[in-house]
Amino acid sequence: MKNLTTEAQRSQRRDSHHAPFEGQGGSPGGSSSPWTPCLCGASSSGFTLLELIVATSIFAVVIGAAYSLFESGRTLTSQAESRAELFQTARAALRAIEDDLKGTVLPGTAFDTGFVGTDGGSPEQPLDKVDLIAVNSHSMISSLKSDDADLAAERIDLSRIAYWIEVDRNRPAHGLVRYRQTILTPVSTPTPRDEDIEEVAPEVVYLGLRYYDGSQWLTSWDSTQTNKVPQAVEVTVFVRGEWRGKETVEKFASRFYLPVAAQTPEKTP
């Protein structure tokens, strides 16, 4: 009897546990239909068309700004590299002229053609020329072979040097060129041969020169008239380059003081 009572209690507890709650998916009156959870208050997740348009617009603005920043950086880098190449060319040209100018002398011998600077071209596109006598640092007679002994014997420690702009691009050497005559003869003014002309910087298209006499800057100089060399020379080179398919010309200038002007007195006529 006791066992039957216990079994009836267990069955009653099971029925109460599985019975549907009223108002939560069960039928009125507590029918025995299965219980279904209520989804009241839940909402589905997603984006509206307006949200998608706003998000796309913001993304496009961010990408455009990033690309613009990248393109600006690349442009500045390319422009800096182009200018650096022009600067290197100008520095090499100015260094070559400086070395010869600082070696300027007035030997006062029969082959002294003087220091002569001529003005050419226009202020915007100068085509100046300078002709001078300088210490010849390229003789090196002691290192020459016997085949060059006769030629070396004719050389001295001085050279006649000239700088100018060769505008004819069909010539073997064009742009900024240098003529160096290492064998001097009395009052020697030979016509320079193509093989004697050295191409210094073909990218240099204009050359401007000014000469300081101690009080003012002059556009030309002739030591055969003044009997002295200038105290300083201002050299301006115009270097041609290319950037993004366009030709560019940049100007670089420097001033060089001539040691001989401070150490050598004026020649007497």
Protein backbone atom coordinates (compact mmCIF):
# COMPACT_ATOMS: atom_id res chain seq x y z
CA MET A 1 0.00 0.00 0.00
CA LYS A 2 2.79 2.29 0.89
CA ASN A 3 4.53 1.56 -2.39
CA LEU A 4 1.44 2.40 -4.38
CA THR A 5 1.10 5.75 -2.61
CA THR A 6 4.70 6.63 -3.34
CA GLU A 7 4.38 5.71 -7.01
CA ALA A 8 1.26 7.87 -7.31
CA GLN A 9 3.09 10.84 -5.81
CA ARG A 10 5.98 10.47 -8.26
CA SER A 11 3.58 10.32 -11.18
CA GLN A 12 1.82 13.45 -9.95
CA ARG A 13 5.11 15.35 -9.70
CA ARG A 14 6.05 14.32 -13.24
CA ASP A 15 2.75 15.54 -14.60
CA SER A 16 3.04 18.87 -12.82
CA HIS A 17 6.59 19.34 -14.17
CA HIS A 18 5.61 18.75 -17.81
CA ALA A 19 2.28 20.54 -17.72
CA PRO A 20 2.05 23.72 -19.87
CA PHE A 21 1.84 27.04 -18.19
CA GLU A 22 -1.28 29.01 -18.86
CA GLY A 23 -0.74 31.94 -21.17
CA GLN A 24 2.61 30.68 -22.43
CA GLY A 25 1.72 28.68 -25.46
CA GLY A 26 -0.71 26.26 -23.83
CA SER A 27 -4.40 26.11 -24.61
CA PRO A 28 -6.88 27.79 -22.35
CA GLY A 29 -7.77 25.65 -19.46
CA GLY A 30 -4.38 24.03 -19.31
CA SER A 31 -4.69 21.48 -22.12
CA SER A 32 -1.90 19.00 -22.62
CA SER A 33 -0.53 20.49 -25.89
CA PRO A 34 3.32 20.93 -25.97
CA TRP A 35 4.75 24.18 -24.55
CA THR A 36 6.30 26.66 -27.01
CA PRO A 37 8.53 29.48 -25.67
CA CYS A 38 7.27 32.98 -26.33
CA LEU A 39 9.50 35.24 -28.53
CA CYS A 40 7.73 38.41 -27.56
CA GLY A 41 10.12 41.43 -27.49
CA ALA A 42 12.87 39.82 -29.69
CA SER A 43 13.87 41.65 -32.92
CA SER A 44 15.85 40.56 -36.02
CA SER A 45 19.37 42.21 -36.60
CA GLY A 46 20.50 43.88 -39.96
CA PHE A 47 21.34 47.15 -41.80
CA THR A 48 18.93 49.46 -43.48
CA LEU A 49 19.63 50.94 -46.92
CA LEU A 50 20.36 54.35 -45.37
CA GLU A 51 22.93 52.84 -43.02
CA LEU A 52 24.66 51.08 -45.91
CA ILE A 53 24.81 54.32 -47.93
CA VAL A 54 26.29 56.27 -45.00
CA ALA A 55 28.87 53.56 -44.27
CA THR A 56 29.88 53.37 -47.94
CA SER A 57 30.25 57.15 -48.14
CA ILE A 58 32.47 57.27 -45.04
CA PHE A 59 34.62 54.42 -46.39
CA ALA A 60 35.02 56.22 -49.73
CA VAL A 61 36.08 59.44 -48.00
CA VAL A 62 38.67 57.60 -45.88
CA ILE A 63 40.10 55.73 -48.88
CA GLY A 64 40.23 58.95 -50.94
CA ALA A 65 42.07 60.80 -48.19
CA ALA A 66 44.55 57.94 -47.78
CA TYR A 67 45.24 57.81 -51.53
CA SER A 68 45.64 61.58 -51.70
CA LEU A 69 48.14 61.48 -48.86
CA PHE A 70 50.05 58.65 -50.52
CA GLU A 71 50.12 60.42 -53.89
CA SER A 72 51.32 63.66 -52.29
CA GLY A 73 54.14 61.81 -50.55
CA ARG A 74 55.16 60.07 -53.76
CA THR A 75 55.13 63.36 -55.65
CA LEU A 76 57.31 65.08 -53.05
CA THR A 77 59.73 62.15 -53.07
CA SER A 78 59.98 62.15 -56.86
CA GLN A 79 60.49 65.91 -56.94
CA ALA A 80 63.18 65.71 -54.24
CA GLU A 81 65.03 62.98 -56.15
CA SER A 82 64.90 65.03 -59.35
CA ARG A 83 66.22 68.11 -57.58
CA ALA A 84 68.97 66.06 -55.93
CA GLU A 85 70.17 64.94 -59.37
CA LEU A 86 70.26 68.55 -60.56
CA PHE A 87 72.15 69.54 -57.44
CA GLN A 88 74.74 66.80 -57.97
CA THR A 89 75.28 67.94 -61.56
CA ALA A 90 75.63 71.58 -60.51
CA ARG A 91 78.03 70.73 -57.71
CA ALA A 92 80.30 68.74 -60.05
CA ALA A 93 80.32 71.59 -62.59
CA LEU A 94 81.02 74.26 -59.98
CA ARG A 95 83.76 72.14 -58.42
CA ALA A 96 85.56 71.77 -61.76
CA ILE A 97 85.43 75.52 -62.40
CA GLU A 98 86.50 76.29 -58.83
CA ASP A 99 89.61 74.08 -59.05
CA ASP A 100 90.82 75.91 -62.15
CA LEU A 101 89.88 79.40 -60.96
CA LYS A 102 91.80 78.97 -57.71
CA GLY A 103 94.85 77.97 -59.71
CA THR A 104 94.76 81.17 -61.78
CA VAL A 105 98.12 82.91 -62.25
CA LEU A 106 99.55 85.80 -64.25
CA PRO A 107 102.93 84.42 -65.27
CA GLY A 108 103.90 87.47 -67.31
CA THR A 109 105.65 85.32 -69.90
CA ALA A 110 105.40 85.30 -73.67
CA PHE A 111 102.59 82.72 -73.60
CA ASP A 112 100.50 84.59 -71.05
CA THR A 113 97.14 85.16 -72.75
CA GLY A 114 95.74 86.75 -69.57
CA PHE A 115 92.49 86.33 -67.68
CA VAL A 116 89.64 87.20 -70.03
CA GLY A 117 85.96 86.89 -69.25
CA THR A 118 83.45 87.74 -71.96
CA ASP A 119 79.75 88.43 -71.52
CA GLY A 120 77.33 86.65 -73.83
CA GLY A 121 73.70 85.69 -74.16
CA SER A 122 71.14 87.51 -72.02
CA PRO A 123 70.66 88.01 -68.27
CA GLU A 124 68.01 85.27 -68.28
CA GLN A 125 70.02 82.93 -70.52
CA PRO A 126 73.70 83.83 -70.11
CA LEU A 127 76.33 82.31 -72.38
CA ASP A 128 79.47 83.71 -70.79
CA LYS A 129 83.01 82.48 -71.40
CA VAL A 130 86.22 82.65 -69.38
CA ASP A 131 89.78 82.10 -70.61
CA LEU A 132 92.69 81.94 -68.16
CA ILE A 133 96.11 80.54 -67.32
CA ALA A 134 96.16 78.17 -64.35
CA VAL A 135 98.54 75.80 -62.64
CA ASN A 136 98.61 72.55 -64.58
CA SER A 137 97.89 69.75 -62.14
CA HIS A 138 97.75 67.13 -64.88
CA SER A 139 101.30 67.24 -66.21
CA MET A 140 102.82 64.44 -64.09
CA ILE A 141 105.87 64.34 -66.33
CA SER A 142 107.76 61.92 -64.09
CA SER A 143 105.07 59.24 -64.50
CA LEU A 144 104.98 59.28 -68.30
CA LYS A 145 106.29 56.40 -70.39
CA SER A 146 109.22 56.80 -72.74
CA ASP A 147 106.77 57.00 -75.67
CA ASP A 148 105.48 60.29 -74.24
CA ALA A 149 108.86 61.69 -73.30
CA ASP A 150 109.04 64.09 -76.23
CA LEU A 151 105.53 65.35 -75.57
CA ALA A 152 106.20 65.69 -71.85
CA ALA A 153 109.31 67.72 -72.50
CA GLU A 154 107.20 70.35 -74.23
CA ARG A 155 104.82 70.66 -71.31
CA ILE A 156 105.17 73.10 -68.46
CA ASP A 157 103.41 73.49 -65.14
CA LEU A 158 100.77 75.81 -66.58
CA SER A 159 97.76 75.28 -68.81
CA ARG A 160 95.55 77.55 -70.76
CA ILE A 161 91.96 76.79 -69.77
CA ALA A 162 88.65 77.98 -71.14
CA TYR A 163 85.05 77.31 -70.11
CA TRP A 164 81.96 78.01 -72.19
CA ILE A 165 78.59 76.58 -73.23
CA GLU A 166 78.56 74.57 -76.43
CA VAL A 167 74.98 74.92 -77.67
CA ASP A 168 75.39 72.61 -80.68
CA ARG A 169 74.23 69.21 -79.46
CA ASN A 170 75.58 67.57 -82.60
CA ARG A 171 79.12 68.24 -81.43
CA PRO A 172 80.91 65.44 -79.58
CA ALA A 173 81.02 67.63 -76.48
CA HIS A 174 78.16 69.97 -75.65
CA GLY A 175 76.71 71.75 -72.65
CA LEU A 176 79.37 73.03 -70.26
CA VAL A 177 82.72 72.25 -71.85
CA ARG A 178 86.36 72.89 -70.96
CA TYR A 179 89.35 73.39 -73.21
CA ARG A 180 92.73 72.63 -71.69
CA GLN A 181 95.91 73.45 -73.63
CA THR A 182 98.87 71.91 -71.84
CA ILE A 183 101.51 72.76 -74.44
CA LEU A 184 101.92 76.53 -74.58
CA THR A 185 103.83 78.48 -77.17
CA PRO A 186 104.46 82.23 -77.28
CA VAL A 187 101.19 84.09 -77.82
CA SER A 188 99.50 80.82 -78.65
CA THR A 189 95.85 81.17 -79.66
CA PRO A 190 95.08 78.00 -81.65
CA THR A 191 91.56 77.07 -82.60
CA PRO A 192 90.41 74.35 -80.17
CA ARG A 193 89.97 70.96 -81.79
CA ASP A 194 87.03 68.70 -80.90
CA GLU A 195 89.37 66.14 -79.35
CA ASP A 196 90.84 68.84 -77.07
CA ILE A 197 87.44 69.88 -75.69
CA GLU A 198 86.21 68.06 -72.62
CA GLU A 199 82.54 67.70 -71.78
CA VAL A 200 82.10 68.73 -68.14
CA ALA A 201 78.32 68.67 -67.75
CA PRO A 202 76.01 68.29 -70.77
CA GLU A 203 73.01 69.14 -68.55
CA VAL A 204 74.32 72.69 -67.96
CA VAL A 205 72.67 74.88 -70.59
CA TYR A 206 73.67 78.38 -69.44
CA LEU A 207 76.71 79.84 -67.73
CA GLY A 208 76.81 83.21 -65.99
CA LEU A 209 80.02 84.84 -64.69
CA ARG A 210 80.65 88.01 -62.70
CA TYR A 211 83.97 89.40 -61.50
CA TYR A 212 84.71 91.34 -58.33
CA ASP A 213 87.35 94.05 -58.56
CA GLY A 214 87.30 94.95 -54.86
CA SER A 215 84.42 97.42 -55.01
CA GLN A 216 81.85 96.18 -57.50
CA TRP A 217 80.78 93.16 -59.56
CA LEU A 218 81.47 93.36 -63.29
CA THR A 219 80.03 91.28 -66.12
CA SER A 220 83.32 91.04 -68.04
CA TRP A 221 87.06 91.12 -67.36
CA ASP A 222 90.25 91.57 -69.36
CA SER A 223 93.55 91.39 -67.49
CA THR A 224 95.38 92.55 -70.60
CA GLN A 225 93.75 95.93 -69.91
CA THR A 226 93.55 95.94 -66.09
CA ASN A 227 96.86 94.11 -65.53
CA LYS A 228 95.31 92.11 -62.69
CA VAL A 229 92.93 89.24 -62.00
CA PRO A 230 89.63 89.66 -60.18
CA GLN A 231 89.53 89.13 -56.44
CA ALA A 232 86.55 86.80 -56.75
CA VAL A 233 84.39 85.22 -59.42
CA GLU A 234 80.68 84.47 -59.12
CA VAL A 235 79.70 81.42 -61.16
CA THR A 236 76.08 80.61 -61.99
CA VAL A 237 75.13 77.42 -63.80
CA PHE A 238 71.69 76.61 -65.16
CA VAL A 239 71.01 72.88 -65.07
CA ARG A 240 68.37 71.30 -67.26
CA GLY A 241 66.39 68.35 -65.95
CA GLU A 242 63.13 66.52 -66.51
CA TRP A 243 60.32 65.82 -64.08
CA ARG A 244 57.11 64.07 -65.03
CA GLY A 245 57.78 64.54 -68.72
CA LYS A 246 58.37 68.29 -68.41
CA GLU A 247 61.70 70.02 -68.88
CA THR A 248 62.92 72.06 -65.93
CA VAL A 249 65.86 74.43 -65.56
CA GLU A 250 67.23 75.32 -62.13
CA LYS A 251 69.88 77.88 -61.24
CA PHE A 252 72.79 77.26 -58.88
CA ALA A 253 75.40 79.86 -57.97
CA SER A 254 78.59 80.08 -55.93
CA ARG A 255 81.40 82.58 -55.38
CA PHE A 256 85.08 81.69 -55.43
CA TYR A 257 87.93 83.87 -54.19
CA LEU A 258 91.15 83.78 -56.14
CA PRO A 259 94.20 83.38 -53.87
CA VAL A 260 96.53 84.88 -56.47
CA ALA A 261 94.59 88.18 -56.37
CA ALA A 262 95.59 88.69 -52.73
CA GLN A 263 99.17 87.51 -53.11
CA THR A 264 100.25 88.87 -56.49
CA PRO A 265 100.65 92.60 -57.14
CA GLU A 266 99.30 94.14 -60.30
CA LYS A 267 101.48 93.78 -63.35
CA THR A 268 103.00 96.93 -64.66
CA PRO A 269 102.14 97.69 -68.28
